[in-house]
PDB file of all heavy atoms in Angstrom:
ATOM      1  N   VAL A   1     101.467 113.731 100.583  1.00  0.00           N
ATOM      2  CA  VAL A   1     100.484 114.003 101.652  1.00  0.00           C
ATOM      3  C   VAL A   1     100.684 115.396 102.221  1.00  0.00           C
ATOM      4  O   VAL A   1     101.785 115.777 102.617  1.00  0.00           O
ATOM      5  CB  VAL A   1     100.687 112.944 102.823  1.00  0.00           C
ATOM      6  CG1 VAL A   1      99.536 113.126 103.844  1.00  0.00           C
ATOM      7  CG2 VAL A   1     100.675 111.523 102.235  1.00  0.00           C
ATOM      8  N   LEU A   2      99.527 116.192 102.128  1.00  0.00           N
ATOM      9  CA  LEU A   2      99.515 117.539 102.636  1.00  0.00           C
ATOM     10  C   LEU A   2      98.669 117.743 103.810  1.00  0.00           C
ATOM     11  O   LEU A   2      97.686 116.974 104.034  1.00  0.00           O
ATOM     12  CB  LEU A   2      99.129 118.517 101.585  1.00  0.00           C
ATOM     13  CG  LEU A   2     100.079 118.770 100.461  1.00  0.00           C
ATOM     14  CD1 LEU A   2      99.811 117.878  99.315  1.00  0.00           C
ATOM     15  CD2 LEU A   2     100.175 120.147  99.986  1.00  0.00           C
ATOM     16  N   LYS A   3      99.116 118.625 104.794  1.00  0.00           N
ATOM     17  CA  LYS A   3      98.236 118.996 105.907  1.00  0.00           C
ATOM     18  C   LYS A   3      98.440 120.471 106.178  1.00  0.00           C
ATOM     19  O   LYS A   3      99.635 120.880 106.337  1.00  0.00           O
ATOM     20  CB  LYS A   3      98.637 118.119 107.156  1.00  0.00           C
ATOM     21  CG  LYS A   3      97.803 118.495 108.335  1.00  0.00           C
ATOM     22  CD  LYS A   3      98.475 117.856 109.588  1.00  0.00           C
ATOM     23  CE  LYS A   3      97.767 118.300 110.847  1.00  0.00           C
ATOM     24  NZ  LYS A   3      98.464 117.971 112.091  1.00  0.00           N
ATOM     25  N   ASP A   4      97.447 121.205 106.352  1.00  0.00           N
ATOM     26  CA  ASP A   4      97.567 122.647 106.617  1.00  0.00           C
ATOM     27  C   ASP A   4      98.534 123.388 105.745  1.00  0.00           C
ATOM     28  O   ASP A   4      99.303 124.253 106.168  1.00  0.00           O
ATOM     29  CB  ASP A   4      97.957 122.802 108.118  1.00  0.00           C
ATOM     30  CG  ASP A   4      96.930 122.256 109.089  1.00  0.00           C
ATOM     31  OD1 ASP A   4      95.733 122.177 108.684  1.00  0.00           O
ATOM     32  OD2 ASP A   4      97.319 121.842 110.218  1.00  0.00           O
ATOM     33  N   GLY A   5      98.553 123.009 104.471  1.00  0.00           N
ATOM     34  CA  GLY A   5      99.447 123.721 103.523  1.00  0.00           C
ATOM     35  C   GLY A   5     100.799 123.266 103.472  1.00  0.00           C
ATOM     36  O   GLY A   5     101.641 123.729 102.698  1.00  0.00           O
ATOM     37  N   LEU A   6     101.195 122.283 104.295  1.00  0.00           N
ATOM     38  CA  LEU A   6     102.590 121.809 104.336  1.00  0.00           C
ATOM     39  C   LEU A   6     102.658 120.390 103.897  1.00  0.00           C
ATOM     40  O   LEU A   6     101.836 119.502 104.168  1.00  0.00           O
ATOM     41  CB  LEU A   6     103.110 121.826 105.815  1.00  0.00           C
ATOM     42  CG  LEU A   6     103.214 123.196 106.482  1.00  0.00           C
ATOM     43  CD1 LEU A   6     103.482 123.097 107.992  1.00  0.00           C
ATOM     44  CD2 LEU A   6     104.353 123.989 105.835  1.00  0.00           C
ATOM     45  N   LEU A   7     103.680 120.104 103.115  1.00  0.00           N
ATOM     46  CA  LEU A   7     104.011 118.772 102.641  1.00  0.00           C
ATOM     47  C   LEU A   7     104.477 117.879 103.742  1.00  0.00           C
ATOM     48  O   LEU A   7     105.534 118.266 104.416  1.00  0.00           O
ATOM     49  CB  LEU A   7     104.995 118.799 101.429  1.00  0.00           C
ATOM     50  CG  LEU A   7     105.453 117.457 100.783  1.00  0.00           C
ATOM     51  CD1 LEU A   7     104.251 116.842 100.205  1.00  0.00           C
ATOM     52  CD2 LEU A   7     106.520 117.658  99.833  1.00  0.00           C
ATOM     53  N   GLN A   8     103.856 116.857 104.010  1.00  0.00           N
ATOM     54  CA  GLN A   8     104.267 115.981 105.202  1.00  0.00           C
ATOM     55  C   GLN A   8     105.250 114.863 104.690  1.00  0.00           C
ATOM     56  O   GLN A   8     106.269 114.628 105.372  1.00  0.00           O
ATOM     57  CB  GLN A   8     102.963 115.294 105.808  1.00  0.00           C
ATOM     58  CG  GLN A   8     101.988 116.260 106.303  1.00  0.00           C
ATOM     59  CD  GLN A   8     102.447 117.082 107.505  1.00  0.00           C
ATOM     60  OE1 GLN A   8     102.904 116.555 108.477  1.00  0.00           O
ATOM     61  NE2 GLN A   8     102.392 118.395 107.276  1.00  0.00           N
ATOM     62  N   GLN A   9     104.934 114.214 103.577  1.00  0.00           N
ATOM     63  CA  GLN A   9     105.699 113.148 103.044  1.00  0.00           C
ATOM     64  C   GLN A   9     105.310 112.906 101.631  1.00  0.00           C
ATOM     65  O   GLN A   9     104.120 112.996 101.226  1.00  0.00           O
ATOM     66  CB  GLN A   9     105.514 111.910 103.852  1.00  0.00           C
ATOM     67  CG  GLN A   9     106.444 110.746 103.477  1.00  0.00           C
ATOM     68  CD  GLN A   9     106.313 109.504 104.401  1.00  0.00           C
ATOM     69  OE1 GLN A   9     105.440 109.525 105.326  1.00  0.00           O
ATOM     70  NE2 GLN A   9     107.063 108.511 104.143  1.00  0.00           N
ATOM     71  N   CYS A  10     106.264 112.634 100.782  1.00  0.00           N
ATOM     72  CA  CYS A  10     106.030 112.297  99.343  1.00  0.00           C
ATOM     73  C   CYS A  10     106.853 111.023  99.035  1.00  0.00           C
ATOM     74  O   CYS A  10     108.087 111.029  99.141  1.00  0.00           O
ATOM     75  CB  CYS A  10     106.398 113.375  98.413  1.00  0.00           C
ATOM     76  SG  CYS A  10     106.137 112.946  96.677  1.00  0.00           S
ATOM     77  N   ASP A  11     106.174 109.927  98.688  1.00  0.00           N
ATOM     78  CA  ASP A  11     106.851 108.681  98.462  1.00  0.00           C
ATOM     79  C   ASP A  11     105.909 107.728  97.848  1.00  0.00           C
ATOM     80  O   ASP A  11     104.765 108.057  97.486  1.00  0.00           O
ATOM     81  CB  ASP A  11     107.391 108.079  99.761  1.00  0.00           C
ATOM     82  CG  ASP A  11     108.756 107.460  99.627  1.00  0.00           C
ATOM     83  OD1 ASP A  11     108.984 106.678  98.636  1.00  0.00           O
ATOM     84  OD2 ASP A  11     109.607 107.653 100.497  1.00  0.00           O
ATOM     85  N   THR A  12     106.404 106.493  97.510  1.00  0.00           N
ATOM     86  CA  THR A  12     105.522 105.489  96.871  1.00  0.00           C
ATOM     87  C   THR A  12     104.461 105.115  97.900  1.00  0.00           C
ATOM     88  O   THR A  12     104.628 105.246  99.099  1.00  0.00           O
ATOM     89  CB  THR A  12     106.329 104.204  96.513  1.00  0.00           C
ATOM     90  OG1 THR A  12     106.891 103.644  97.722  1.00  0.00           O
ATOM     91  CG2 THR A  12     107.492 104.547  95.540  1.00  0.00           C
ATOM     92  N   PRO A  13     103.345 104.603  97.360  1.00  0.00           N
ATOM     93  CA  PRO A  13     102.210 104.212  98.308  1.00  0.00           C
ATOM     94  C   PRO A  13     102.714 103.089  99.312  1.00  0.00           C
ATOM     95  O   PRO A  13     102.332 103.175 100.540  1.00  0.00           O
ATOM     96  CB  PRO A  13     101.249 103.554  97.394  1.00  0.00           C
ATOM     97  CG  PRO A  13     101.324 104.296  96.090  1.00  0.00           C
ATOM     98  CD  PRO A  13     102.848 104.569  95.994  1.00  0.00           C
ATOM     99  N   ARG A  14     103.562 102.215  98.939  1.00  0.00           N
ATOM    100  CA  ARG A  14     104.073 101.181  99.880  1.00  0.00           C
ATOM    101  C   ARG A  14     104.873 101.734 100.938  1.00  0.00           C
ATOM    102  O   ARG A  14     104.793 101.386 102.123  1.00  0.00           O
ATOM    103  CB  ARG A  14     104.864 100.093  99.063  1.00  0.00           C
ATOM    104  CG  ARG A  14     105.559  99.079  99.937  1.00  0.00           C
ATOM    105  CD  ARG A  14     104.678  98.401 100.943  1.00  0.00           C
ATOM    106  NE  ARG A  14     103.444  97.771 100.386  1.00  0.00           N
ATOM    107  CZ  ARG A  14     102.434  97.201 100.968  1.00  0.00           C
ATOM    108  NH1 ARG A  14     102.425  97.350 102.353  1.00  0.00           N
ATOM    109  NH2 ARG A  14     101.446  96.707 100.374  1.00  0.00           N
ATOM    110  N   THR A  15     105.812 102.765 100.630  1.00  0.00           N
ATOM    111  CA  THR A  15     106.575 103.377 101.599  1.00  0.00           C
ATOM    112  C   THR A  15     105.811 104.216 102.621  1.00  0.00           C
ATOM    113  O   THR A  15     106.013 104.206 103.850  1.00  0.00           O
ATOM    114  CB  THR A  15     107.699 104.203 100.997  1.00  0.00           C
ATOM    115  OG1 THR A  15     108.532 103.383 100.107  1.00  0.00           O
ATOM    116  CG2 THR A  15     108.620 104.850 101.986  1.00  0.00           C
ATOM    117  N   LEU A  16     104.774 104.870 102.057  1.00  0.00           N
ATOM    118  CA  LEU A  16     103.924 105.661 102.964  1.00  0.00           C
ATOM    119  C   LEU A  16     103.193 104.720 103.977  1.00  0.00           C
ATOM    120  O   LEU A  16     102.988 105.093 105.097  1.00  0.00           O
ATOM    121  CB  LEU A  16     102.861 106.442 102.107  1.00  0.00           C
ATOM    122  CG  LEU A  16     103.345 107.688 101.365  1.00  0.00           C
ATOM    123  CD1 LEU A  16     102.211 108.155 100.524  1.00  0.00           C
ATOM    124  CD2 LEU A  16     103.877 108.756 102.269  1.00  0.00           C
ATOM    125  N   PHE A  17     102.809 103.581 103.548  1.00  0.00           N
ATOM    126  CA  PHE A  17     102.098 102.647 104.388  1.00  0.00           C
ATOM    127  C   PHE A  17     103.010 101.993 105.418  1.00  0.00           C
ATOM    128  O   PHE A  17     102.694 101.892 106.616  1.00  0.00           O
ATOM    129  CB  PHE A  17     101.449 101.558 103.491  1.00  0.00           C
ATOM    130  CG  PHE A  17     100.496 100.676 104.232  1.00  0.00           C
ATOM    131  CD1 PHE A  17      99.143 101.055 104.466  1.00  0.00           C
ATOM    132  CD2 PHE A  17     100.889  99.426 104.686  1.00  0.00           C
ATOM    133  CE1 PHE A  17      98.293 100.169 105.117  1.00  0.00           C
ATOM    134  CE2 PHE A  17     100.058  98.591 105.323  1.00  0.00           C
ATOM    135  CZ  PHE A  17      98.781  98.967 105.589  1.00  0.00           C
ATOM    136  N   ASP A  18     104.222 101.632 104.974  1.00  0.00           N
ATOM    137  CA  ASP A  18     105.154 100.885 105.810  1.00  0.00           C
ATOM    138  C   ASP A  18     106.006 101.817 106.712  1.00  0.00           C
ATOM    139  O   ASP A  18     106.384 101.403 107.816  1.00  0.00           O
ATOM    140  CB  ASP A  18     106.036  99.982 104.997  1.00  0.00           C
ATOM    141  CG  ASP A  18     105.365  98.779 104.340  1.00  0.00           C
ATOM    142  OD1 ASP A  18     104.212  98.476 104.831  1.00  0.00           O
ATOM    143  OD2 ASP A  18     105.798  98.209 103.422  1.00  0.00           O
ATOM    144  N   HIS A  19     106.300 102.945 106.162  1.00  0.00           N
ATOM    145  CA  HIS A  19     107.235 103.785 106.912  1.00  0.00           C
ATOM    146  C   HIS A  19     106.713 105.307 106.985  1.00  0.00           C
ATOM    147  O   HIS A  19     107.414 106.163 106.416  1.00  0.00           O
ATOM    148  CB  HIS A  19     108.663 103.797 106.322  1.00  0.00           C
ATOM    149  CG  HIS A  19     109.282 102.422 106.468  1.00  0.00           C
ATOM    150  ND1 HIS A  19     109.877 101.941 107.586  1.00  0.00           N
ATOM    151  CD2 HIS A  19     109.389 101.446 105.511  1.00  0.00           C
ATOM    152  CE1 HIS A  19     110.275 100.758 107.362  1.00  0.00           C
ATOM    153  NE2 HIS A  19     110.048 100.378 106.197  1.00  0.00           N
ATOM    154  N   PRO A  20     105.511 105.498 107.495  1.00  0.00           N
ATOM    155  CA  PRO A  20     105.088 106.931 107.641  1.00  0.00           C
ATOM    156  C   PRO A  20     106.063 107.712 108.504  1.00  0.00           C
ATOM    157  O   PRO A  20     106.561 107.366 109.553  1.00  0.00           O
ATOM    158  CB  PRO A  20     103.740 106.796 108.293  1.00  0.00           C
ATOM    159  CG  PRO A  20     103.718 105.471 109.012  1.00  0.00           C
ATOM    160  CD  PRO A  20     104.638 104.585 108.233  1.00  0.00           C
ATOM    161  N   VAL A  21     106.342 108.986 108.012  1.00  0.00           N
ATOM    162  CA  VAL A  21     107.322 109.847 108.751  1.00  0.00           C
ATOM    163  C   VAL A  21     106.846 110.455 110.043  1.00  0.00           C
ATOM    164  O   VAL A  21     107.553 110.828 110.849  1.00  0.00           O
ATOM    165  CB  VAL A  21     107.952 110.934 107.809  1.00  0.00           C
ATOM    166  CG1 VAL A  21     108.606 110.269 106.630  1.00  0.00           C
ATOM    167  CG2 VAL A  21     106.802 111.879 107.389  1.00  0.00           C
ATOM    168  N   ASN A  22     105.445 110.482 110.220  1.00  0.00           N
ATOM    169  CA  ASN A  22     104.926 111.151 111.418  1.00  0.00           C
ATOM    170  C   ASN A  22     103.575 110.562 111.741  1.00  0.00           C
ATOM    171  O   ASN A  22     102.961 109.755 110.957  1.00  0.00           O
ATOM    172  CB  ASN A  22     104.891 112.686 111.367  1.00  0.00           C
ATOM    173  CG  ASN A  22     104.066 113.166 110.130  1.00  0.00           C
ATOM    174  OD1 ASN A  22     103.138 112.512 109.694  1.00  0.00           O
ATOM    175  ND2 ASN A  22     104.462 114.302 109.513  1.00  0.00           N
ATOM    176  N   VAL A  23     102.974 110.975 112.788  1.00  0.00           N
ATOM    177  CA  VAL A  23     101.731 110.390 113.331  1.00  0.00           C
ATOM    178  C   VAL A  23     100.598 110.764 112.254  1.00  0.00           C
ATOM    179  O   VAL A  23      99.715 109.942 112.091  1.00  0.00           O
ATOM    180  CB  VAL A  23     101.432 111.012 114.737  1.00  0.00           C
ATOM    181  CG1 VAL A  23      99.942 110.673 115.063  1.00  0.00           C
ATOM    182  CG2 VAL A  23     102.267 110.420 115.729  1.00  0.00           C
ATOM    183  N   PHE A  24     100.600 111.944 111.716  1.00  0.00           N
ATOM    184  CA  PHE A  24      99.553 112.407 110.830  1.00  0.00           C
ATOM    185  C   PHE A  24      99.508 111.369 109.594  1.00  0.00           C
ATOM    186  O   PHE A  24      98.479 110.915 109.277  1.00  0.00           O
ATOM    187  CB  PHE A  24      99.727 113.791 110.304  1.00  0.00           C
ATOM    188  CG  PHE A  24      98.702 114.150 109.292  1.00  0.00           C
ATOM    189  CD1 PHE A  24      97.397 114.491 109.663  1.00  0.00           C
ATOM    190  CD2 PHE A  24      99.015 114.108 107.912  1.00  0.00           C
ATOM    191  CE1 PHE A  24      96.455 114.735 108.692  1.00  0.00           C
ATOM    192  CE2 PHE A  24      98.132 114.452 106.975  1.00  0.00           C
ATOM    193  CZ  PHE A  24      96.784 114.814 107.339  1.00  0.00           C
ATOM    194  N   VAL A  25     100.615 111.171 108.959  1.00  0.00           N
ATOM    195  CA  VAL A  25     100.661 110.271 107.797  1.00  0.00           C
ATOM    196  C   VAL A  25     100.254 108.855 108.206  1.00  0.00           C
ATOM    197  O   VAL A  25      99.510 108.167 107.460  1.00  0.00           O
ATOM    198  CB  VAL A  25     102.067 110.308 107.132  1.00  0.00           C
ATOM    199  CG1 VAL A  25     102.057 109.366 105.972  1.00  0.00           C
ATOM    200  CG2 VAL A  25     102.414 111.753 106.648  1.00  0.00           C
ATOM    201  N   ALA A  26     100.744 108.433 109.357  1.00  0.00           N
ATOM    202  CA  ALA A  26     100.412 107.069 109.889  1.00  0.00           C
ATOM    203  C   ALA A  26      98.908 106.881 110.019  1.00  0.00           C
ATOM    204  O   ALA A  26      98.357 105.937 109.616  1.00  0.00           O
ATOM    205  CB  ALA A  26     101.065 106.839 111.202  1.00  0.00           C
ATOM    206  N   GLY A  27      98.207 107.946 110.548  1.00  0.00           N
ATOM    207  CA  GLY A  27      96.769 107.854 110.829  1.00  0.00           C
ATOM    208  C   GLY A  27      95.995 108.149 109.504  1.00  0.00           C
ATOM    209  O   GLY A  27      94.839 107.692 109.494  1.00  0.00           O
ATOM    210  N   PHE A  28      96.568 108.792 108.573  1.00  0.00           N
ATOM    211  CA  PHE A  28      95.750 109.186 107.350  1.00  0.00           C
ATOM    212  C   PHE A  28      95.865 108.075 106.297  1.00  0.00           C
ATOM    213  O   PHE A  28      94.856 107.861 105.664  1.00  0.00           O
ATOM    214  CB  PHE A  28      96.264 110.472 106.876  1.00  0.00           C
ATOM    215  CG  PHE A  28      95.369 111.098 105.716  1.00  0.00           C
ATOM    216  CD1 PHE A  28      94.206 111.779 106.118  1.00  0.00           C
ATOM    217  CD2 PHE A  28      95.746 110.970 104.425  1.00  0.00           C
ATOM    218  CE1 PHE A  28      93.367 112.249 105.130  1.00  0.00           C
ATOM    219  CE2 PHE A  28      94.899 111.520 103.422  1.00  0.00           C
ATOM    220  CZ  PHE A  28      93.736 112.096 103.790  1.00  0.00           C
ATOM    221  N   MET A  29      97.009 107.500 106.133  1.00  0.00           N
ATOM    222  CA  MET A  29      97.164 106.562 105.001  1.00  0.00           C
ATOM    223  C   MET A  29      96.792 105.132 105.484  1.00  0.00           C
ATOM    224  O   MET A  29      97.435 104.686 106.540  1.00  0.00           O
ATOM    225  CB  MET A  29      98.587 106.611 104.457  1.00  0.00           C
ATOM    226  CG  MET A  29      99.006 107.930 104.007  1.00  0.00           C
ATOM    227  SD  MET A  29      97.821 108.629 102.795  1.00  0.00           S
ATOM    228  CE  MET A  29      98.225 107.522 101.321  1.00  0.00           C
ATOM    229  N   GLY A  30      95.913 104.487 104.908  1.00  0.00           N
ATOM    230  CA  GLY A  30      95.420 103.161 105.273  1.00  0.00           C
ATOM    231  C   GLY A  30      93.999 103.123 105.653  1.00  0.00           C
ATOM    232  O   GLY A  30      93.536 104.067 106.259  1.00  0.00           O
ATOM    233  N   SER A  31      93.271 102.039 105.305  1.00  0.00           N
ATOM    234  CA  SER A  31      91.859 102.043 105.593  1.00  0.00           C
ATOM    235  C   SER A  31      91.497 100.543 106.017  1.00  0.00           C
ATOM    236  O   SER A  31      91.764  99.643 105.240  1.00  0.00           O
ATOM    237  CB  SER A  31      91.024 102.391 104.313  1.00  0.00           C
ATOM    238  OG  SER A  31      89.660 102.315 104.652  1.00  0.00           O
ATOM    239  N   PRO A  32      91.049 100.351 107.169  1.00  0.00           N
ATOM    240  CA  PRO A  32      90.908 101.382 108.338  1.00  0.00           C
ATOM    241  C   PRO A  32      92.204 102.000 108.752  1.00  0.00           C
ATOM    242  O   PRO A  32      93.273 101.355 108.423  1.00  0.00           O
ATOM    243  CB  PRO A  32      90.243 100.542 109.389  1.00  0.00           C
ATOM    244  CG  PRO A  32      89.678  99.341 108.803  1.00  0.00           C
ATOM    245  CD  PRO A  32      90.592  99.026 107.594  1.00  0.00           C
ATOM    246  N   ALA A  33      92.133 103.046 109.451  1.00  0.00           N
ATOM    247  CA  ALA A  33      93.263 103.740 109.888  1.00  0.00           C
ATOM    248  C   ALA A  33      94.134 103.056 110.860  1.00  0.00           C
ATOM    249  O   ALA A  33      93.624 102.163 111.623  1.00  0.00           O
ATOM    250  CB  ALA A  33      92.952 105.121 110.371  1.00  0.00           C
ATOM    251  N   MET A  34      95.454 103.362 110.941  1.00  0.00           N
ATOM    252  CA  MET A  34      96.287 102.716 111.973  1.00  0.00           C
ATOM    253  C   MET A  34      95.790 103.229 113.400  1.00  0.00           C
ATOM    254  O   MET A  34      95.284 104.210 113.642  1.00  0.00           O
ATOM    255  CB  MET A  34      97.685 103.358 111.804  1.00  0.00           C
ATOM    256  CG  MET A  34      98.721 102.738 112.790  1.00  0.00           C
ATOM    257  SD  MET A  34     100.397 103.488 112.574  1.00  0.00           S
ATOM    258  CE  MET A  34     100.996 102.838 111.065  1.00  0.00           C
ATOM    259  N   ASN A  35      95.838 102.178 114.252  1.00  0.00           N
ATOM    260  CA  ASN A  35      95.588 102.437 115.710  1.00  0.00           C
ATOM    261  C   ASN A  35      96.746 103.127 116.359  1.00  0.00           C
ATOM    262  O   ASN A  35      97.819 102.655 116.207  1.00  0.00           O
ATOM    263  CB  ASN A  35      95.191 101.129 116.473  1.00  0.00           C
ATOM    264  CG  ASN A  35      94.118 100.366 115.824  1.00  0.00           C
ATOM    265  OD1 ASN A  35      92.993 100.733 115.869  1.00  0.00           O
ATOM    266  ND2 ASN A  35      94.426  99.311 115.068  1.00  0.00           N
ATOM    267  N   LEU A  36      96.516 104.211 117.091  1.00  0.00           N
ATOM    268  CA  LEU A  36      97.576 105.006 117.759  1.00  0.00           C
ATOM    269  C   LEU A  36      97.286 105.035 119.259  1.00  0.00           C
ATOM    270  O   LEU A  36      96.205 105.519 119.684  1.00  0.00           O
ATOM    271  CB  LEU A  36      97.611 106.369 117.168  1.00  0.00           C
ATOM    272  CG  LEU A  36      97.890 106.457 115.615  1.00  0.00           C
ATOM    273  CD1 LEU A  36      97.689 107.852 115.038  1.00  0.00           C
ATOM    274  CD2 LEU A  36      99.351 106.005 115.394  1.00  0.00           C
ATOM    275  N   ILE A  37      98.269 104.608 120.034  1.00  0.00           N
ATOM    276  CA  ILE A  37      98.149 104.580 121.413  1.00  0.00           C
ATOM    277  C   ILE A  37      99.334 105.182 122.100  1.00  0.00           C
ATOM    278  O   ILE A  37     100.457 104.885 121.877  1.00  0.00           O
ATOM    279  CB  ILE A  37      98.012 103.110 121.903  1.00  0.00           C
ATOM    280  CG1 ILE A  37      96.878 102.324 121.226  1.00  0.00           C
ATOM    281  CG2 ILE A  37      97.851 102.943 123.442  1.00  0.00           C
ATOM    282  CD1 ILE A  37      96.911 100.807 121.316  1.00  0.00           C
ATOM    283  N   ASP A  38      99.036 106.128 123.043  1.00  0.00           N
ATOM    284  CA  ASP A  38     100.119 106.877 123.729  1.00  0.00           C
ATOM    285  C   ASP A  38     100.509 106.032 124.981  1.00  0.00           C
ATOM    286  O   ASP A  38      99.623 105.691 125.768  1.00  0.00           O
ATOM    287  CB  ASP A  38      99.643 108.260 124.199  1.00  0.00           C
ATOM    288  CG  ASP A  38      99.490 109.183 122.968  1.00  0.00           C
ATOM    289  OD1 ASP A  38      99.903 108.849 121.916  1.00  0.00           O
ATOM    290  OD2 ASP A  38      98.760 110.203 123.178  1.00  0.00           O
TER     291      ASP A  38
END
């Protein structure tokens, strides 16, 4: 997963879905997207 030229996370699809390393990956991977609440 890339954003603004930077690699955010590289892993299996299941790991990206279950354990995203940051908010961007969490919101990008999955359809519909993950709900994010501050």
